[in-house]
């Protein structure tokens, strides 16, 4: 089968090539998915799990991509809850070959059924960003109606999901980002917006929750904005500056079939926008890893015809 492989951790994007690799094996409780669409994170070529397996052994060359939407092609021994031919989407395993391939082996528990009215291209944009937003908001920050949340990177992949889900939950949302992101953030439902280059972050005032995807000085300065009893949540790095009388935590997204089901139902109902801005074929996947500021939204790799 054809796949994008990363052959050398020092080569970065230059080391990505389209090549032929063996068809994946379905281990116990696995599903083999015929990939229709795949999502990726540009920074994943720097992640340790891209280059080592669960035992810490080198696994280069590896196949990147951790978001998948497709059709079940094969069930491993003991796999239940899914059937051959079923439309599914979800999060592939961090330490195994990923979704930028014609077929991928995934633990069945990491996949959820995909409704017929949601396209594979849209579904492939949902797992990492949607699960990160959901888990940060509801599992960690425990956002409630009437609270105020400051969302850094409000027009980005994760931030845009946070803005929409927090607004639906009845929170007042203040977004941040570049000046060019203002209309996007407000259009997604943010009640106010701060330009991090020209506005004072402190003008946001006290908030109940900060959701950070940026890190650095922005993360450190945000701790002082959290009111007593509030929460600072970040996916950038463990926080070194903490709220005076509140919580600060760093987390890594985890697979969750139930959450995926909640998210895709919102897509189906028109309550959530995954913001797919570009769709490129597998042959152009390596080039898609290069950031393009002209594209406002996710770039998805279409591997097979959508249906």
C-alpha atoms as a PDB file:
ATOM      1  CA  UNK A   1       0.000   0.000   0.000  1.00  0.00           C
ATOM      2  CA  UNK A   2       1.037   3.631  -0.399  1.00  0.00           C
ATOM      3  CA  UNK A   3       1.911   5.738   2.614  1.00  0.00           C
ATOM      4  CA  UNK A   4       3.782   8.862   3.643  1.00  0.00           C
ATOM      5  CA  UNK A   5       6.819   7.842   5.684  1.00  0.00           C
ATOM      6  CA  UNK A   6       9.127   9.883   7.891  1.00  0.00           C
ATOM      7  CA  UNK A   7      12.549   8.312   7.622  1.00  0.00           C
ATOM      8  CA  UNK A   8      14.795  10.507   9.754  1.00  0.00           C
ATOM      9  CA  UNK A   9      13.896  12.598  12.807  1.00  0.00           C
ATOM     10  CA  UNK A  10      16.583  15.145  11.942  1.00  0.00           C
ATOM     11  CA  UNK A  11      15.299  15.663   8.389  1.00  0.00           C
ATOM     12  CA  UNK A  12      11.950  17.202   9.328  1.00  0.00           C
ATOM     13  CA  UNK A  13       9.564  17.764   6.437  1.00  0.00           C
ATOM     14  CA  UNK A  14      12.392  17.070   3.987  1.00  0.00           C
ATOM     15  CA  UNK A  15      12.385  13.468   5.211  1.00  0.00           C
ATOM     16  CA  UNK A  16       8.749  12.806   4.264  1.00  0.00           C
ATOM     17  CA  UNK A  17       8.295  10.597   1.201  1.00  0.00           C
ATOM     18  CA  UNK A  18       5.454   8.755  -0.531  1.00  0.00           C
ATOM     19  CA  UNK A  19       6.400   5.099  -0.719  1.00  0.00           C
ATOM     20  CA  UNK A  20       5.080   1.531  -0.719  1.00  0.00           C
ATOM     21  CA  UNK A  21       4.994  -0.252   2.641  1.00  0.00           C
ATOM     22  CA  UNK A  22       3.477  -3.559   3.815  1.00  0.00           C
ATOM     23  CA  UNK A  23      -0.231  -3.756   4.595  1.00  0.00           C
ATOM     24  CA  UNK A  24      -0.785  -3.354   8.369  1.00  0.00           C
ATOM     25  CA  UNK A  25      -1.479  -6.345  10.617  1.00  0.00           C
ATOM     26  CA  UNK A  26      -4.589  -6.405  12.796  1.00  0.00           C
ATOM     27  CA  UNK A  27      -3.537  -7.241  16.350  1.00  0.00           C
ATOM     28  CA  UNK A  28      -5.979  -8.319  19.047  1.00  0.00           C
ATOM     29  CA  UNK A  29      -8.817  -5.784  19.459  1.00  0.00           C
ATOM     30  CA  UNK A  30      -7.594  -3.881  16.392  1.00  0.00           C
ATOM     31  CA  UNK A  31      -9.437  -2.590  13.363  1.00  0.00           C
ATOM     32  CA  UNK A  32      -7.902  -2.161   9.919  1.00  0.00           C
ATOM     33  CA  UNK A  33      -9.376   1.011   8.425  1.00  0.00           C
ATOM     34  CA  UNK A  34      -9.336   1.777   4.725  1.00  0.00           C
ATOM     35  CA  UNK A  35      -8.433   5.438   5.003  1.00  0.00           C
ATOM     36  CA  UNK A  36     -10.596   7.945   3.151  1.00  0.00           C
ATOM     37  CA  UNK A  37      -9.262  11.075   4.854  1.00  0.00           C
ATOM     38  CA  UNK A  38      -6.502  11.831   7.344  1.00  0.00           C
ATOM     39  CA  UNK A  39      -5.565  14.716   9.599  1.00  0.00           C
ATOM     40  CA  UNK A  40      -2.121  15.562  10.913  1.00  0.00           C
ATOM     41  CA  UNK A  41      -0.358  17.936  13.296  1.00  0.00           C
ATOM     42  CA  UNK A  42       2.641  19.748  11.850  1.00  0.00           C
ATOM     43  CA  UNK A  43       4.613  19.480  15.080  1.00  0.00           C
ATOM     44  CA  UNK A  44       4.295  15.706  15.333  1.00  0.00           C
ATOM     45  CA  UNK A  45       7.607  15.142  13.559  1.00  0.00           C
ATOM     46  CA  UNK A  46       9.195  16.419  16.785  1.00  0.00           C
ATOM     47  CA  UNK A  47       7.204  14.135  19.093  1.00  0.00           C
ATOM     48  CA  UNK A  48       9.161  11.233  20.674  1.00  0.00           C
ATOM     49  CA  UNK A  49       6.253   8.855  19.982  1.00  0.00           C
ATOM     50  CA  UNK A  50       6.676   9.448  16.240  1.00  0.00           C
ATOM     51  CA  UNK A  51      10.021   7.677  16.416  1.00  0.00           C
ATOM     52  CA  UNK A  52       9.661   5.037  19.149  1.00  0.00           C
ATOM     53  CA  UNK A  53       7.168   2.311  20.002  1.00  0.00           C
ATOM     54  CA  UNK A  54       5.557   1.664  23.377  1.00  0.00           C
ATOM     55  CA  UNK A  55       8.669  -0.167  24.564  1.00  0.00           C
ATOM     56  CA  UNK A  56      10.916   2.747  23.584  1.00  0.00           C
ATOM     57  CA  UNK A  57      12.426   0.964  20.575  1.00  0.00           C
ATOM     58  CA  UNK A  58      13.188   2.870  17.379  1.00  0.00           C
ATOM     59  CA  UNK A  59      10.474   2.467  14.751  1.00  0.00           C
ATOM     60  CA  UNK A  60      11.732   4.658  11.899  1.00  0.00           C
ATOM     61  CA  UNK A  61      10.638   4.934   9.191  1.00  0.00           C
ATOM     62  CA  UNK A  62       7.221   5.780  10.618  1.00  0.00           C
ATOM     63  CA  UNK A  63       3.914   6.884   9.119  1.00  0.00           C
ATOM     64  CA  UNK A  64       2.665  10.220  10.584  1.00  0.00           C
ATOM     65  CA  UNK A  65      -0.920  11.379  11.023  1.00  0.00           C
ATOM     66  CA  UNK A  66      -3.172  10.605  13.996  1.00  0.00           C
ATOM     67  CA  UNK A  67      -6.649  11.520  12.763  1.00  0.00           C
ATOM     68  CA  UNK A  68      -8.478   9.100  10.517  1.00  0.00           C
ATOM     69  CA  UNK A  69     -11.821   8.705   8.834  1.00  0.00           C
ATOM     70  CA  UNK A  70     -12.636   5.743   6.675  1.00  0.00           C
ATOM     71  CA  UNK A  71     -14.286   2.334   6.441  1.00  0.00           C
ATOM     72  CA  UNK A  72     -13.593  -0.792   8.493  1.00  0.00           C
ATOM     73  CA  UNK A  73     -11.799  -3.259   6.222  1.00  0.00           C
ATOM     74  CA  UNK A  74     -10.823  -5.958   8.723  1.00  0.00           C
ATOM     75  CA  UNK A  75     -11.334  -6.868  12.383  1.00  0.00           C
ATOM     76  CA  UNK A  76      -8.615  -8.250  14.620  1.00  0.00           C
ATOM     77  CA  UNK A  77      -9.169 -11.173  16.988  1.00  0.00           C
ATOM     78  CA  UNK A  78     -11.551 -10.264  19.803  1.00  0.00           C
ATOM     79  CA  UNK A  79     -12.683  -6.965  18.268  1.00  0.00           C
ATOM     80  CA  UNK A  80     -16.298  -6.124  19.056  1.00  0.00           C
ATOM     81  CA  UNK A  81     -18.612  -3.172  18.607  1.00  0.00           C
ATOM     82  CA  UNK A  82     -17.665  -2.433  14.986  1.00  0.00           C
ATOM     83  CA  UNK A  83     -18.347  -4.260  11.720  1.00  0.00           C
ATOM     84  CA  UNK A  84     -16.609  -4.643   8.364  1.00  0.00           C
ATOM     85  CA  UNK A  85     -17.855  -1.981   5.953  1.00  0.00           C
ATOM     86  CA  UNK A  86     -18.830   0.459   8.720  1.00  0.00           C
ATOM     87  CA  UNK A  87     -17.919   4.158   8.429  1.00  0.00           C
ATOM     88  CA  UNK A  88     -15.720   5.187  11.365  1.00  0.00           C
ATOM     89  CA  UNK A  89     -13.449   7.991  12.499  1.00  0.00           C
ATOM     90  CA  UNK A  90     -11.122   8.583  15.403  1.00  0.00           C
ATOM     91  CA  UNK A  91      -7.658   8.873  16.844  1.00  0.00           C
ATOM     92  CA  UNK A  92      -4.861   6.500  15.853  1.00  0.00           C
ATOM     93  CA  UNK A  93      -2.335   5.232  18.363  1.00  0.00           C
ATOM     94  CA  UNK A  94       0.539   7.628  19.121  1.00  0.00           C
ATOM     95  CA  UNK A  95       3.308   5.007  19.002  1.00  0.00           C
ATOM     96  CA  UNK A  96       2.193   3.101  15.872  1.00  0.00           C
ATOM     97  CA  UNK A  97       2.080   3.957  12.190  1.00  0.00           C
ATOM     98  CA  UNK A  98      -0.529   6.605  11.529  1.00  0.00           C
ATOM     99  CA  UNK A  99      -3.204   7.631   9.086  1.00  0.00           C
ATOM    100  CA  UNK A 100      -1.291   9.116   6.125  1.00  0.00           C
ATOM    101  CA  UNK A 101      -1.616   5.793   4.351  1.00  0.00           C
ATOM    102  CA  UNK A 102      -4.160   3.784   2.405  1.00  0.00           C
ATOM    103  CA  UNK A 103      -4.770   1.508   5.403  1.00  0.00           C
ATOM    104  CA  UNK A 104      -4.080   1.871   9.125  1.00  0.00           C
ATOM    105  CA  UNK A 105      -4.337  -0.429  12.156  1.00  0.00           C
ATOM    106  CA  UNK A 106      -6.123   1.210  15.093  1.00  0.00           C
ATOM    107  CA  UNK A 107      -7.364   0.003  18.463  1.00  0.00           C
ATOM    108  CA  UNK A 108     -11.114  -0.358  18.079  1.00  0.00           C
ATOM    109  CA  UNK A 109     -11.797   1.609  21.275  1.00  0.00           C
ATOM    110  CA  UNK A 110     -10.216   4.691  19.651  1.00  0.00           C
ATOM    111  CA  UNK A 111     -12.842   4.791  16.880  1.00  0.00           C
ATOM    112  CA  UNK A 112     -16.471   5.923  16.773  1.00  0.00           C
ATOM    113  CA  UNK A 113     -19.193   5.355  14.162  1.00  0.00           C
ATOM    114  CA  UNK A 114     -19.426   8.100  11.546  1.00  0.00           C
ATOM    115  CA  UNK A 115     -22.941   9.236  10.571  1.00  0.00           C
ATOM    116  CA  UNK A 116     -23.776   9.092   6.873  1.00  0.00           C
ATOM    117  CA  UNK A 117     -24.387  12.846   6.701  1.00  0.00           C
ATOM    118  CA  UNK A 118     -20.842  13.785   7.822  1.00  0.00           C
ATOM    119  CA  UNK A 119     -18.111  13.588   5.195  1.00  0.00           C
ATOM    120  CA  UNK A 120     -14.818  11.802   5.778  1.00  0.00           C
ATOM    121  CA  UNK A 121     -12.927  15.046   5.131  1.00  0.00           C
ATOM    122  CA  UNK A 122     -14.808  16.832   7.908  1.00  0.00           C
ATOM    123  CA  UNK A 123     -14.555  13.873  10.299  1.00  0.00           C
ATOM    124  CA  UNK A 124     -10.774  13.695   9.860  1.00  0.00           C
ATOM    125  CA  UNK A 125     -10.477  17.261  11.166  1.00  0.00           C
ATOM    126  CA  UNK A 126     -12.318  16.473  14.381  1.00  0.00           C
ATOM    127  CA  UNK A 127     -10.465  13.975  16.645  1.00  0.00           C
ATOM    128  CA  UNK A 128      -7.368  15.800  17.965  1.00  0.00           C
ATOM    129  CA  UNK A 129      -8.809  19.315  18.027  1.00  0.00           C
ATOM    130  CA  UNK A 130     -12.274  18.308  19.178  1.00  0.00           C
ATOM    131  CA  UNK A 131     -11.150  15.904  21.894  1.00  0.00           C
ATOM    132  CA  UNK A 132      -8.548  18.379  23.165  1.00  0.00           C
ATOM    133  CA  UNK A 133     -11.156  21.130  23.426  1.00  0.00           C
ATOM    134  CA  UNK A 134     -13.755  18.853  25.030  1.00  0.00           C
ATOM    135  CA  UNK A 135     -11.392  17.328  27.600  1.00  0.00           C
ATOM    136  CA  UNK A 136      -9.819  20.670  28.490  1.00  0.00           C
ATOM    137  CA  UNK A 137     -13.174  22.386  28.934  1.00  0.00           C
ATOM    138  CA  UNK A 138     -15.329  19.745  30.564  1.00  0.00           C
ATOM    139  CA  UNK A 139     -13.003  17.183  32.151  1.00  0.00           C
ATOM    140  CA  UNK A 140     -10.279  19.517  33.428  1.00  0.00           C
ATOM    141  CA  UNK A 141     -11.666  23.070  33.682  1.00  0.00           C
ATOM    142  CA  UNK A 142     -15.238  21.914  34.334  1.00  0.00           C
ATOM    143  CA  UNK A 143     -16.607  25.018  32.616  1.00  0.00           C
ATOM    144  CA  UNK A 144     -20.072  26.129  33.725  1.00  0.00           C
ATOM    145  CA  UNK A 145     -22.805  28.397  32.416  1.00  0.00           C
ATOM    146  CA  UNK A 146     -22.148  32.055  33.224  1.00  0.00           C
ATOM    147  CA  UNK A 147     -18.393  31.708  33.616  1.00  0.00           C
ATOM    148  CA  UNK A 148     -15.881  33.705  31.566  1.00  0.00           C
ATOM    149  CA  UNK A 149     -13.161  31.908  29.595  1.00  0.00           C
ATOM    150  CA  UNK A 150     -10.081  33.371  27.882  1.00  0.00           C
ATOM    151  CA  UNK A 151      -9.148  31.290  24.835  1.00  0.00           C
ATOM    152  CA  UNK A 152      -5.669  31.797  23.397  1.00  0.00           C
ATOM    153  CA  UNK A 153      -5.313  31.022  19.693  1.00  0.00           C
ATOM    154  CA  UNK A 154      -9.075  31.321  19.277  1.00  0.00           C
ATOM    155  CA  UNK A 155      -8.995  30.974  15.480  1.00  0.00           C
ATOM    156  CA  UNK A 156      -6.688  27.942  15.454  1.00  0.00           C
ATOM    157  CA  UNK A 157      -7.556  24.264  15.184  1.00  0.00           C
ATOM    158  CA  UNK A 158      -8.030  23.680  18.920  1.00  0.00           C
ATOM    159  CA  UNK A 159      -8.967  27.240  19.900  1.00  0.00           C
ATOM    160  CA  UNK A 160     -11.813  27.414  17.396  1.00  0.00           C
ATOM    161  CA  UNK A 161     -13.309  24.262  18.901  1.00  0.00           C
ATOM    162  CA  UNK A 162     -12.930  25.676  22.412  1.00  0.00           C
ATOM    163  CA  UNK A 163     -14.699  28.912  21.433  1.00  0.00           C
ATOM    164  CA  UNK A 164     -17.669  27.045  19.958  1.00  0.00           C
ATOM    165  CA  UNK A 165     -18.048  24.459  22.728  1.00  0.00           C
ATOM    166  CA  UNK A 166     -17.611  27.000  25.522  1.00  0.00           C
ATOM    167  CA  UNK A 167     -20.193  29.276  23.934  1.00  0.00           C
ATOM    168  CA  UNK A 168     -22.647  26.404  23.600  1.00  0.00           C
ATOM    169  CA  UNK A 169     -22.083  25.653  27.303  1.00  0.00           C
ATOM    170  CA  UNK A 170     -23.214  29.178  28.171  1.00  0.00           C
ATOM    171  CA  UNK A 171     -19.823  30.736  28.932  1.00  0.00           C
ATOM    172  CA  UNK A 172     -18.709  34.242  27.996  1.00  0.00           C
ATOM    173  CA  UNK A 173     -15.765  33.788  25.613  1.00  0.00           C
ATOM    174  CA  UNK A 174     -12.831  36.153  25.113  1.00  0.00           C
ATOM    175  CA  UNK A 175     -10.597  35.072  22.240  1.00  0.00           C
ATOM    176  CA  UNK A 176      -7.006  36.053  21.538  1.00  0.00           C
ATOM    177  CA  UNK A 177      -4.721  35.816  18.520  1.00  0.00           C
ATOM    178  CA  UNK A 178      -3.357  37.923  15.702  1.00  0.00           C
ATOM    179  CA  UNK A 179      -5.279  40.917  14.368  1.00  0.00           C
ATOM    180  CA  UNK A 180      -6.192  38.917  11.272  1.00  0.00           C
ATOM    181  CA  UNK A 181      -7.937  36.329  13.478  1.00  0.00           C
ATOM    182  CA  UNK A 182     -10.425  38.771  15.002  1.00  0.00           C
ATOM    183  CA  UNK A 183     -13.327  38.294  12.588  1.00  0.00           C
ATOM    184  CA  UNK A 184     -12.887  34.516  12.547  1.00  0.00           C
ATOM    185  CA  UNK A 185     -12.978  34.302  16.354  1.00  0.00           C
ATOM    186  CA  UNK A 186     -15.988  36.597  16.628  1.00  0.00           C
ATOM    187  CA  UNK A 187     -17.731  34.688  13.861  1.00  0.00           C
ATOM    188  CA  UNK A 188     -17.271  31.451  15.821  1.00  0.00           C
ATOM    189  CA  UNK A 189     -19.041  32.983  18.783  1.00  0.00           C
ATOM    190  CA  UNK A 190     -16.406  34.808  20.839  1.00  0.00           C
ATOM    191  CA  UNK A 191     -17.921  37.774  22.677  1.00  0.00           C
ATOM    192  CA  UNK A 192     -14.684  39.806  22.618  1.00  0.00           C
ATOM    193  CA  UNK A 193     -11.216  39.556  21.096  1.00  0.00           C
ATOM    194  CA  UNK A 194      -7.709  40.698  22.080  1.00  0.00           C
ATOM    195  CA  UNK A 195      -4.957  41.192  19.518  1.00  0.00           C
ATOM    196  CA  UNK A 196      -1.891  39.799  21.301  1.00  0.00           C
ATOM    197  CA  UNK A 197       0.413  42.045  19.278  1.00  0.00           C
ATOM    198  CA  UNK A 198      -1.369  45.353  19.882  1.00  0.00           C
ATOM    199  CA  UNK A 199      -3.729  44.946  22.867  1.00  0.00           C
ATOM    200  CA  UNK A 200      -2.843  44.449  26.508  1.00  0.00           C
ATOM    201  CA  UNK A 201      -3.520  40.896  27.649  1.00  0.00           C
ATOM    202  CA  UNK A 202      -4.373  42.267  31.079  1.00  0.00           C
ATOM    203  CA  UNK A 203      -7.342  44.136  29.558  1.00  0.00           C
ATOM    204  CA  UNK A 204      -9.177  40.804  29.545  1.00  0.00           C
ATOM    205  CA  UNK A 205      -9.721  41.287  33.276  1.00  0.00           C
ATOM    206  CA  UNK A 206     -10.369  38.425  35.667  1.00  0.00           C
ATOM    207  CA  UNK A 207     -11.629  35.187  34.132  1.00  0.00           C
ATOM    208  CA  UNK A 208     -12.761  31.843  35.484  1.00  0.00           C
ATOM    209  CA  UNK A 209     -10.850  29.761  32.939  1.00  0.00           C
ATOM    210  CA  UNK A 210      -7.841  30.286  30.686  1.00  0.00           C
ATOM    211  CA  UNK A 211      -7.424  27.769  27.838  1.00  0.00           C
ATOM    212  CA  UNK A 212      -3.900  28.111  26.455  1.00  0.00           C
ATOM    213  CA  UNK A 213      -2.401  26.616  23.287  1.00  0.00           C
ATOM    214  CA  UNK A 214       0.515  29.057  22.922  1.00  0.00           C
ATOM    215  CA  UNK A 215       2.768  28.708  25.976  1.00  0.00           C
ATOM    216  CA  UNK A 216       5.716  31.009  26.662  1.00  0.00           C
ATOM    217  CA  UNK A 217       5.161  34.485  28.046  1.00  0.00           C
ATOM    218  CA  UNK A 218       1.463  34.441  27.163  1.00  0.00           C
ATOM    219  CA  UNK A 219       0.934  31.380  29.365  1.00  0.00           C
ATOM    220  CA  UNK A 220       2.939  32.866  32.239  1.00  0.00           C
ATOM    221  CA  UNK A 221       1.096  36.208  32.176  1.00  0.00           C
ATOM    222  CA  UNK A 222      -2.281  34.503  31.967  1.00  0.00           C
ATOM    223  CA  UNK A 223      -1.952  32.985  35.449  1.00  0.00           C
ATOM    224  CA  UNK A 224      -2.550  36.389  37.046  1.00  0.00           C
ATOM    225  CA  UNK A 225      -5.888  36.710  35.216  1.00  0.00           C
ATOM    226  CA  UNK A 226      -7.447  33.637  36.821  1.00  0.00           C
ATOM    227  CA  UNK A 227      -9.823  34.629  39.612  1.00  0.00           C
ATOM    228  CA  UNK A 228      -9.853  32.715  42.923  1.00  0.00           C
ATOM    229  CA  UNK A 229     -11.055  29.167  42.414  1.00  0.00           C
ATOM    230  CA  UNK A 230     -10.485  29.328  38.654  1.00  0.00           C
ATOM    231  CA  UNK A 231      -8.457  27.118  36.329  1.00  0.00           C
ATOM    232  CA  UNK A 232      -5.630  27.607  33.835  1.00  0.00           C
ATOM    233  CA  UNK A 233      -5.500  24.769  31.296  1.00  0.00           C
ATOM    234  CA  UNK A 234      -2.674  24.454  28.774  1.00  0.00           C
ATOM    235  CA  UNK A 235      -1.585  21.981  26.108  1.00  0.00           C
ATOM    236  CA  UNK A 236       1.650  23.866  25.342  1.00  0.00           C
ATOM    237  CA  UNK A 237       3.861  22.897  28.309  1.00  0.00           C
ATOM    238  CA  UNK A 238       3.597  22.322  32.063  1.00  0.00           C
ATOM    239  CA  UNK A 239       2.921  25.741  33.646  1.00  0.00           C
ATOM    240  CA  UNK A 240       5.687  27.303  35.728  1.00  0.00           C
ATOM    241  CA  UNK A 241       3.563  30.267  36.907  1.00  0.00           C
ATOM    242  CA  UNK A 242       0.346  29.354  38.684  1.00  0.00           C
ATOM    243  CA  UNK A 243      -2.777  31.313  39.675  1.00  0.00           C
ATOM    244  CA  UNK A 244      -2.558  32.723  43.190  1.00  0.00           C
ATOM    245  CA  UNK A 245      -5.677  30.892  44.333  1.00  0.00           C
ATOM    246  CA  UNK A 246      -6.599  28.476  41.573  1.00  0.00           C
ATOM    247  CA  UNK A 247      -5.514  25.456  39.583  1.00  0.00           C
ATOM    248  CA  UNK A 248      -3.038  25.158  36.708  1.00  0.00           C
ATOM    249  CA  UNK A 249      -2.649  22.010  34.667  1.00  0.00           C
ATOM    250  CA  UNK A 250      -1.116  20.634  31.500  1.00  0.00           C
ATOM    251  CA  UNK A 251      -2.681  17.689  29.701  1.00  0.00           C
ATOM    252  CA  UNK A 252      -2.302  15.530  26.595  1.00  0.00           C
ATOM    253  CA  UNK A 253      -5.414  14.526  24.678  1.00  0.00           C
ATOM    254  CA  UNK A 254      -6.667  10.964  25.090  1.00  0.00           C
ATOM    255  CA  UNK A 255      -8.877   8.799  22.866  1.00  0.00           C
ATOM    256  CA  UNK A 256     -12.531   8.723  23.931  1.00  0.00           C
ATOM    257  CA  UNK A 257     -15.269   7.117  21.830  1.00  0.00           C
ATOM    258  CA  UNK A 258     -18.094   8.722  23.812  1.00  0.00           C
ATOM    259  CA  UNK A 259     -16.635  12.216  23.344  1.00  0.00           C
ATOM    260  CA  UNK A 260     -16.142  11.601  19.625  1.00  0.00           C
ATOM    261  CA  UNK A 261     -19.809  10.651  19.410  1.00  0.00           C
ATOM    262  CA  UNK A 262     -20.847  13.886  21.151  1.00  0.00           C
ATOM    263  CA  UNK A 263     -18.642  15.925  18.827  1.00  0.00           C
ATOM    264  CA  UNK A 264     -19.748  14.357  15.555  1.00  0.00           C
ATOM    265  CA  UNK A 265     -23.397  14.730  16.566  1.00  0.00           C
ATOM    266  CA  UNK A 266     -22.777  18.466  16.880  1.00  0.00           C
ATOM    267  CA  UNK A 267     -21.219  18.470  13.407  1.00  0.00           C
ATOM    268  CA  UNK A 268     -24.267  16.609  12.077  1.00  0.00           C
ATOM    269  CA  UNK A 269     -26.643  19.061  13.764  1.00  0.00           C
ATOM    270  CA  UNK A 270     -24.765  22.113  12.468  1.00  0.00           C
ATOM    271  CA  UNK A 271     -23.771  23.239  15.972  1.00  0.00           C
ATOM    272  CA  UNK A 272     -20.018  22.768  15.417  1.00  0.00           C
ATOM    273  CA  UNK A 273     -17.736  23.745  12.533  1.00  0.00           C
ATOM    274  CA  UNK A 274     -14.533  21.748  12.013  1.00  0.00           C
ATOM    275  CA  UNK A 275     -13.196  24.500   9.707  1.00  0.00           C
ATOM    276  CA  UNK A 276     -11.710  22.434   6.879  1.00  0.00           C
ATOM    277  CA  UNK A 277      -9.981  25.010   4.695  1.00  0.00           C
ATOM    278  CA  UNK A 278      -8.100  22.812   2.221  1.00  0.00           C
ATOM    279  CA  UNK A 279      -8.157  19.207   1.007  1.00  0.00           C
ATOM    280  CA  UNK A 280      -5.076  17.765  -0.675  1.00  0.00           C
ATOM    281  CA  UNK A 281      -4.295  14.312  -2.090  1.00  0.00           C
ATOM    282  CA  UNK A 282      -1.894  11.859  -0.454  1.00  0.00           C
ATOM    283  CA  UNK A 283       0.715  12.743  -3.073  1.00  0.00           C
ATOM    284  CA  UNK A 284       0.818  16.292  -1.650  1.00  0.00           C
ATOM    285  CA  UNK A 285       0.836  15.355   2.035  1.00  0.00           C
ATOM    286  CA  UNK A 286       4.524  16.154   2.547  1.00  0.00           C
ATOM    287  CA  UNK A 287       4.067  19.650   1.110  1.00  0.00           C
ATOM    288  CA  UNK A 288       1.014  20.157   3.358  1.00  0.00           C
ATOM    289  CA  UNK A 289       3.259  19.957   6.442  1.00  0.00           C
ATOM    290  CA  UNK A 290       4.752  23.336   5.472  1.00  0.00           C
ATOM    291  CA  UNK A 291       2.703  26.097   7.183  1.00  0.00           C
ATOM    292  CA  UNK A 292       0.678  28.315   4.843  1.00  0.00           C
ATOM    293  CA  UNK A 293      -0.829  31.419   6.437  1.00  0.00           C
ATOM    294  CA  UNK A 294      -3.081  31.856   3.421  1.00  0.00           C
ATOM    295  CA  UNK A 295      -5.042  28.820   4.663  1.00  0.00           C
ATOM    296  CA  UNK A 296      -7.303  29.700   7.606  1.00  0.00           C
ATOM    297  CA  UNK A 297      -8.398  26.317   8.928  1.00  0.00           C
ATOM    298  CA  UNK A 298      -7.401  22.677   8.766  1.00  0.00           C
ATOM    299  CA  UNK A 299      -5.711  21.017   5.802  1.00  0.00           C
ATOM    300  CA  UNK A 300      -6.973  17.464   5.346  1.00  0.00           C
ATOM    301  CA  UNK A 301      -5.401  14.734   3.248  1.00  0.00           C
ATOM    302  CA  UNK A 302      -7.894  12.859   1.090  1.00  0.00           C
ATOM    303  CA  UNK A 303      -6.652   9.318   0.505  1.00  0.00           C
ATOM    304  CA  UNK A 304      -9.688   7.711  -1.144  1.00  0.00           C
ATOM    305  CA  UNK A 305     -12.858   9.052  -2.719  1.00  0.00           C
ATOM    306  CA  UNK A 306     -15.319  10.327  -0.121  1.00  0.00           C
ATOM    307  CA  UNK A 307     -18.683   8.589   0.162  1.00  0.00           C
END
